[in-house]
C-alpha atoms as a PDB file:
ATOM      1  CA  GLU A   1       0.000   0.000   0.000  1.00  0.00           C
ATOM      2  CA  ALA A   2       2.930   2.339   0.647  1.00  0.00           C
ATOM      3  CA  ALA A   3       3.986   2.018  -2.998  1.00  0.00           C
ATOM      4  CA  ILE A   4       0.490   2.948  -4.172  1.00  0.00           C
ATOM      5  CA  ALA A   5       0.366   5.923  -1.802  1.00  0.00           C
ATOM      6  CA  SER A   6       3.769   7.029  -3.099  1.00  0.00           C
ATOM      7  CA  LEU A   7       2.572   6.778  -6.678  1.00  0.00           C
ATOM      8  CA  GLU A   8      -0.525   8.826  -5.862  1.00  0.00           C
ATOM      9  CA  PHE A   9       1.631  11.432  -4.127  1.00  0.00           C
ATOM     10  CA  VAL A  10       4.026  11.783  -7.067  1.00  0.00           C
ATOM     11  CA  LEU A  11       1.244  11.603  -9.659  1.00  0.00           C
ATOM     12  CA  PRO A  12      -1.816  13.258  -8.076  1.00  0.00           C
ATOM     13  CA  ALA A  13      -3.968  12.466 -11.135  1.00  0.00           C
ATOM     14  CA  PHE A  14      -3.961   8.795 -10.037  1.00  0.00           C
ATOM     15  CA  LYS A  15      -5.314   9.587  -6.543  1.00  0.00           C
ATOM     16  CA  GLY A  16      -8.533   7.663  -6.004  1.00  0.00           C
ATOM     17  CA  HIS A  17      -8.268   5.864  -9.362  1.00  0.00           C
ATOM     18  CA  LEU A  18      -6.427   2.730  -8.205  1.00  0.00           C
ATOM     19  CA  PRO A  19      -9.027   0.773  -6.198  1.00  0.00           C
ATOM     20  CA  TRP A  20      -8.075  -2.582  -7.693  1.00  0.00           C
ATOM     21  CA  SER A  21      -4.398  -1.989  -6.858  1.00  0.00           C
ATOM     22  CA  ARG A  22      -5.295  -1.040  -3.291  1.00  0.00           C
ATOM     23  CA  ALA A  23      -7.452  -4.185  -2.936  1.00  0.00           C
ATOM     24  CA  VAL A  24      -4.629  -6.427  -4.198  1.00  0.00           C
ATOM     25  CA  ALA A  25      -2.115  -4.755  -1.868  1.00  0.00           C
ATOM     26  CA  ALA A  26      -4.462  -5.091   1.094  1.00  0.00           C
ATOM     27  CA  SER A  27      -5.108  -8.794   0.474  1.00  0.00           C
ATOM     28  CA  TRP A  28      -1.402  -9.411  -0.121  1.00  0.00           C
ATOM     29  CA  SER A  29      -0.492  -7.847   3.220  1.00  0.00           C
ATOM     30  CA  VAL A  30      -2.944 -10.182   4.970  1.00  0.00           C
ATOM     31  CA  SER A  31      -1.664 -13.349   3.279  1.00  0.00           C
ATOM     32  CA  ALA A  32       2.074 -12.631   2.950  1.00  0.00           C
ATOM     33  CA  ASP A  33       4.247 -13.215   5.976  1.00  0.00           C
ATOM     34  CA  ALA A  34       7.307 -11.028   6.208  1.00  0.00           C
ATOM     35  CA  ASN A  35      10.428 -13.157   6.147  1.00  0.00           C
ATOM     36  CA  HIS A  36      12.824 -11.173   8.311  1.00  0.00           C
ATOM     37  CA  LYS A  37      16.298 -12.503   9.004  1.00  0.00           C
ATOM     38  CA  VAL A  38      17.873 -12.494  12.440  1.00  0.00           C
ATOM     39  CA  PRO A  39      20.655  -9.883  12.337  1.00  0.00           C
ATOM     40  CA  MET A  40      24.217 -10.835  13.249  1.00  0.00           C
ATOM     41  CA  GLY A  41      26.381  -8.220  14.958  1.00  0.00           C
ATOM     42  CA  GLU A  42      30.119  -7.765  14.648  1.00  0.00           C
ATOM     43  CA  GLY A  43      31.071  -9.938  17.639  1.00  0.00           C
ATOM     44  CA  PRO A  44      29.090 -12.990  16.515  1.00  0.00           C
ATOM     45  CA  ALA A  45      30.294 -12.517  12.913  1.00  0.00           C
ATOM     46  CA  VAL A  46      33.913 -12.553  14.077  1.00  0.00           C
ATOM     47  CA  PHE A  47      33.233 -15.587  16.302  1.00  0.00           C
ATOM     48  CA  ILE A  48      31.573 -17.497  13.455  1.00  0.00           C
ATOM     49  CA  GLY A  49      34.243 -16.362  10.969  1.00  0.00           C
ATOM     50  CA  VAL A  50      37.140 -17.476  13.181  1.00  0.00           C
ATOM     51  CA  ASN A  51      35.505 -20.840  13.729  1.00  0.00           C
ATOM     52  CA  MET A  52      34.874 -21.267  10.001  1.00  0.00           C
ATOM     53  CA  ALA A  53      38.561 -20.544   9.449  1.00  0.00           C
ATOM     54  CA  ALA A  54      39.491 -23.139  12.065  1.00  0.00           C
ATOM     55  CA  VAL A  55      37.623 -25.854  10.149  1.00  0.00           C
ATOM     56  CA  ARG A  56      39.269 -25.228   6.757  1.00  0.00           C
ATOM     57  CA  HIS A  57      37.087 -22.369   5.487  1.00  0.00           C
ATOM     58  CA  PRO A  58      39.271 -19.292   6.123  1.00  0.00           C
ATOM     59  CA  ARG A  59      38.128 -17.391   3.029  1.00  0.00           C
ATOM     60  CA  LEU A  60      34.462 -17.836   3.945  1.00  0.00           C
ATOM     61  CA  GLY A  61      35.243 -16.873   7.539  1.00  0.00           C
ATOM     62  CA  ALA A  62      36.846 -13.645   6.320  1.00  0.00           C
ATOM     63  CA  GLY A  63      33.890 -13.142   3.985  1.00  0.00           C
ATOM     64  CA  ILE A  64      31.307 -13.284   6.771  1.00  0.00           C
ATOM     65  CA  VAL A  65      33.281 -10.696   8.759  1.00  0.00           C
ATOM     66  CA  LEU A  66      33.499  -8.406   5.727  1.00  0.00           C
ATOM     67  CA  GLN A  67      29.838  -8.920   4.801  1.00  0.00           C
ATOM     68  CA  GLN A  68      28.754  -7.894   8.291  1.00  0.00           C
ATOM     69  CA  ALA A  69      31.076  -4.862   8.330  1.00  0.00           C
ATOM     70  CA  LEU A  70      29.827  -3.687   4.946  1.00  0.00           C
ATOM     71  CA  GLY A  71      26.150  -4.504   5.492  1.00  0.00           C
ATOM     72  CA  ILE A  72      25.813  -6.218   2.120  1.00  0.00           C
ATOM     73  CA  ARG A  73      23.866  -9.226   0.854  1.00  0.00           C
ATOM     74  CA  PRO A  74      25.478 -12.671   0.659  1.00  0.00           C
ATOM     75  CA  SER A  75      25.254 -12.663  -3.147  1.00  0.00           C
ATOM     76  CA  GLU A  76      27.134  -9.367  -3.184  1.00  0.00           C
ATOM     77  CA  ILE A  77      30.091 -10.515  -1.053  1.00  0.00           C
ATOM     78  CA  LEU A  78      30.204 -13.848  -2.891  1.00  0.00           C
ATOM     79  CA  GLY A  79      30.190 -12.075  -6.270  1.00  0.00           C
ATOM     80  CA  VAL A  80      33.115  -9.721  -5.590  1.00  0.00           C
ATOM     81  CA  ARG A  81      36.110 -10.438  -7.812  1.00  0.00           C
ATOM     82  CA  ALA A  82      39.693  -9.412  -7.112  1.00  0.00           C
ATOM     83  CA  ARG A  83      39.512  -6.618  -9.683  1.00  0.00           C
ATOM     84  CA  ASP A  84      36.450  -5.166  -7.920  1.00  0.00           C
ATOM     85  CA  VAL A  85      38.560  -4.245  -4.860  1.00  0.00           C
ATOM     86  CA  THR A  86      40.561  -1.040  -4.601  1.00  0.00           C
ATOM     87  CA  LEU A  87      42.847  -0.907  -1.582  1.00  0.00           C
ATOM     88  CA  PRO A  88      43.868   2.394   0.037  1.00  0.00           C
ATOM     89  CA  GLU A  89      47.322   2.278  -1.520  1.00  0.00           C
ATOM     90  CA  HIS A  90      45.769   2.042  -4.981  1.00  0.00           C
ATOM     91  CA  HIS A  91      43.703   5.233  -4.779  1.00  0.00           C
ATOM     92  CA  GLY A  92      45.656   7.437  -2.366  1.00  0.00           C
ATOM     93  CA  GLY A  93      46.417  10.777  -3.964  1.00  0.00           C
ATOM     94  CA  LEU A  94      44.351  10.033  -7.059  1.00  0.00           C
ATOM     95  CA  LEU A  95      41.120  11.417  -5.658  1.00  0.00           C
ATOM     96  CA  GLY A  96      42.097  15.052  -5.967  1.00  0.00           C
ATOM     97  CA  GLU A  97      42.050  17.550  -3.142  1.00  0.00           C
ATOM     98  CA  ALA A  98      39.513  18.123  -0.383  1.00  0.00           C
ATOM     99  CA  GLY A  99      38.996  21.642   0.806  1.00  0.00           C
ATOM    100  CA  GLY A 100      42.322  22.742  -0.609  1.00  0.00           C
ATOM    101  CA  ARG A 101      44.196  20.056   1.336  1.00  0.00           C
ATOM    102  CA  SER A 102      46.408  17.509  -0.353  1.00  0.00           C
ATOM    103  CA  ALA A 103      46.177  13.771   0.243  1.00  0.00           C
ATOM    104  CA  ALA A 104      49.198  14.006   2.556  1.00  0.00           C
ATOM    105  CA  GLU A 105      47.488  16.682   4.678  1.00  0.00           C
ATOM    106  CA  ALA A 106      44.159  14.837   4.867  1.00  0.00           C
ATOM    107  CA  PRO A 107      45.081  11.147   5.085  1.00  0.00           C
ATOM    108  CA  ASP A 108      41.753  10.073   6.568  1.00  0.00           C
ATOM    109  CA  LEU A 109      39.935  11.380   3.482  1.00  0.00           C
ATOM    110  CA  PHE A 110      42.173   9.576   1.011  1.00  0.00           C
ATOM    111  CA  ASN A 111      44.073   6.669   2.464  1.00  0.00           C
ATOM    112  CA  ASP A 112      41.986   5.052   5.168  1.00  0.00           C
ATOM    113  CA  PHE A 113      39.438   3.130   3.134  1.00  0.00           C
ATOM    114  CA  ALA A 114      39.097   0.370   0.595  1.00  0.00           C
ATOM    115  CA  VAL A 115      36.432   0.381  -2.117  1.00  0.00           C
ATOM    116  CA  LEU A 116      34.505  -2.720  -3.184  1.00  0.00           C
ATOM    117  CA  GLY A 117      32.522  -2.685  -6.397  1.00  0.00           C
ATOM    118  CA  LEU A 118      29.286  -4.670  -6.234  1.00  0.00           C
ATOM    119  CA  GLY A 119      27.396  -5.999  -9.210  1.00  0.00           C
ATOM    120  CA  ILE A 120      29.888  -4.622 -11.704  1.00  0.00           C
ATOM    121  CA  ARG A 121      29.035  -7.301 -14.298  1.00  0.00           C
ATOM    122  CA  ALA A 122      25.740  -8.775 -13.100  1.00  0.00           C
ATOM    123  CA  GLY A 123      24.106  -5.861 -11.308  1.00  0.00           C
ATOM    124  CA  THR A 124      22.728  -5.821  -7.784  1.00  0.00           C
ATOM    125  CA  LYS A 125      19.253  -6.044  -6.322  1.00  0.00           C
ATOM    126  CA  ALA A 126      19.048  -2.300  -6.996  1.00  0.00           C
ATOM    127  CA  LYS A 127      19.632  -3.166 -10.697  1.00  0.00           C
ATOM    128  CA  ARG A 128      22.807  -1.122 -10.986  1.00  0.00           C
ATOM    129  CA  PRO A 129      26.457  -1.389 -10.007  1.00  0.00           C
ATOM    130  CA  GLN A 130      27.230   0.029  -6.570  1.00  0.00           C
ATOM    131  CA  THR A 131      30.264   0.571  -4.369  1.00  0.00           C
ATOM    132  CA  VAL A 132      30.822   0.288  -0.641  1.00  0.00           C
ATOM    133  CA  LEU A 133      33.612   1.728   1.481  1.00  0.00           C
ATOM    134  CA  LEU A 134      35.497  -0.198   4.137  1.00  0.00           C
ATOM    135  CA  LYS A 135      37.264   1.942   6.728  1.00  0.00           C
ATOM    136  CA  SER A 136      38.423  -0.564   9.374  1.00  0.00           C
ATOM    137  CA  PRO A 137      42.212  -1.158   9.199  1.00  0.00           C
ATOM    138  CA  ARG A 138      41.808  -4.744  10.454  1.00  0.00           C
ATOM    139  CA  LYS A 139      39.163  -5.542   7.881  1.00  0.00           C
ATOM    140  CA  ILE A 140      41.230  -3.901   5.141  1.00  0.00           C
ATOM    141  CA  ALA A 141      44.022  -6.259   6.243  1.00  0.00           C
ATOM    142  CA  LEU A 142      41.582  -9.152   5.689  1.00  0.00           C
ATOM    143  CA  LEU A 143      40.990  -7.850   2.162  1.00  0.00           C
ATOM    144  CA  ARG A 144      44.740  -7.715   1.517  1.00  0.00           C
ATOM    145  CA  TRP A 145      45.061 -11.305   2.724  1.00  0.00           C
ATOM    146  CA  LEU A 146      42.159 -12.443   0.545  1.00  0.00           C
ATOM    147  CA  LEU A 147      43.671 -10.747  -2.517  1.00  0.00           C
ATOM    148  CA  GLN A 148      47.055 -12.475  -2.194  1.00  0.00           C
ATOM    149  CA  GLY A 149      47.690 -14.723  -5.176  1.00  0.00           C
ATOM    150  CA  LEU A 150      44.378 -14.004  -6.898  1.00  0.00           C
ATOM    151  CA  GLU A 151      44.058 -13.179 -10.572  1.00  0.00           C
ATOM    152  CA  PRO A 152      41.802 -10.200 -11.415  1.00  0.00           C
ATOM    153  CA  ASP A 153      38.884 -12.446 -12.471  1.00  0.00           C
ATOM    154  CA  ASP A 154      39.089 -14.720  -9.391  1.00  0.00           C
ATOM    155  CA  LEU A 155      36.263 -14.549  -6.868  1.00  0.00           C
ATOM    156  CA  LEU A 156      37.392 -12.950  -3.614  1.00  0.00           C
ATOM    157  CA  ILE A 157      35.661 -15.499  -1.368  1.00  0.00           C
ATOM    158  CA  GLY A 158      35.346 -18.470  -3.724  1.00  0.00           C
ATOM    159  CA  TYR A 159      32.166 -20.051  -2.348  1.00  0.00           C
ATOM    160  CA  MET A 160      28.659 -20.433  -3.741  1.00  0.00           C
ATOM    161  CA  TYR A 161      25.568 -19.436  -1.756  1.00  0.00           C
ATOM    162  CA  GLU A 162      24.537 -23.025  -0.964  1.00  0.00           C
ATOM    163  CA  GLN A 163      28.017 -23.820   0.377  1.00  0.00           C
ATOM    164  CA  TYR A 164      27.905 -20.677   2.521  1.00  0.00           C
ATOM    165  CA  ARG A 165      24.471 -21.597   3.879  1.00  0.00           C
ATOM    166  CA  ARG A 166      25.511 -25.164   4.673  1.00  0.00           C
ATOM    167  CA  ILE A 167      28.813 -24.217   6.369  1.00  0.00           C
ATOM    168  CA  LEU A 168      27.142 -21.446   8.402  1.00  0.00           C
ATOM    169  CA  GLN A 169      24.431 -23.863   9.510  1.00  0.00           C
ATOM    170  CA  LYS A 170      27.007 -26.499  10.518  1.00  0.00           C
ATOM    171  CA  THR A 171      29.104 -23.949  12.408  1.00  0.00           C
ATOM    172  CA  CYS A 172      26.037 -22.731  14.298  1.00  0.00           C
ATOM    173  CA  THR A 173      24.997 -26.313  15.083  1.00  0.00           C
ATOM    174  CA  ASP A 174      28.503 -27.207  16.295  1.00  0.00           C
ATOM    175  CA  PHE A 175      28.360 -24.352  18.816  1.00  0.00           C
ATOM    176  CA  GLN A 176      24.692 -24.917  19.717  1.00  0.00           C
ATOM    177  CA  LEU A 177      23.707 -21.586  18.154  1.00  0.00           C
ATOM    178  CA  ASP A 178      21.277 -22.967  15.563  1.00  0.00           C
ATOM    179  CA  HIS A 179      18.272 -21.889  17.680  1.00  0.00           C
ATOM    180  CA  ILE A 180      19.180 -18.246  16.922  1.00  0.00           C
ATOM    181  CA  GLY A 181      18.211 -18.693  13.288  1.00  0.00           C
ATOM    182  CA  TRP A 182      21.120 -17.007  11.531  1.00  0.00           C
ATOM    183  CA  SER A 183      21.219 -17.321   7.752  1.00  0.00           C
ATOM    184  CA  PRO A 184      23.638 -16.016   5.099  1.00  0.00           C
ATOM    185  CA  HIS A 185      21.544 -12.810   5.079  1.00  0.00           C
ATOM    186  CA  SER A 186      22.071 -12.215   8.816  1.00  0.00           C
ATOM    187  CA  PRO A 187      25.485 -10.511   8.607  1.00  0.00           C
END
């Protein structure tokens, strides 16, 4: 119903002329259950990630930590390729000046973040390529580690969604956390 109200607000000529749409939206809201995911904070993501790494899934463990820090969907972190990552040392000084200050005078504006391109080839849920910034030095170090030895077209994490789901479920079960209901969308 919010979408219909928005349409009527933007296009006032439609106001009062969409009764069928309103009826469909109203019946849909009665019959459709929202499928919310249980969110996973930073501490649990690090705990799960470390334990995934301990059982031979270090790249996925790093991926869950990065996904949580960036607030992105599982398909987005799993779809990042090596060439989609720009580390601070690759863009420092190239971004121009901020407020008349050089990159050397304003290091936090230029050198303290990595950039990850999402959906560069396949798009995202928003139907367009997007970027996210990562500012944590420790998590940028994880990115550097993940990038070691990768070719530009290699996937950063190297797992498929079903593998991620299965390994997360097993890790949660092993630590008796499966009652929480975390899924790959939780981070």
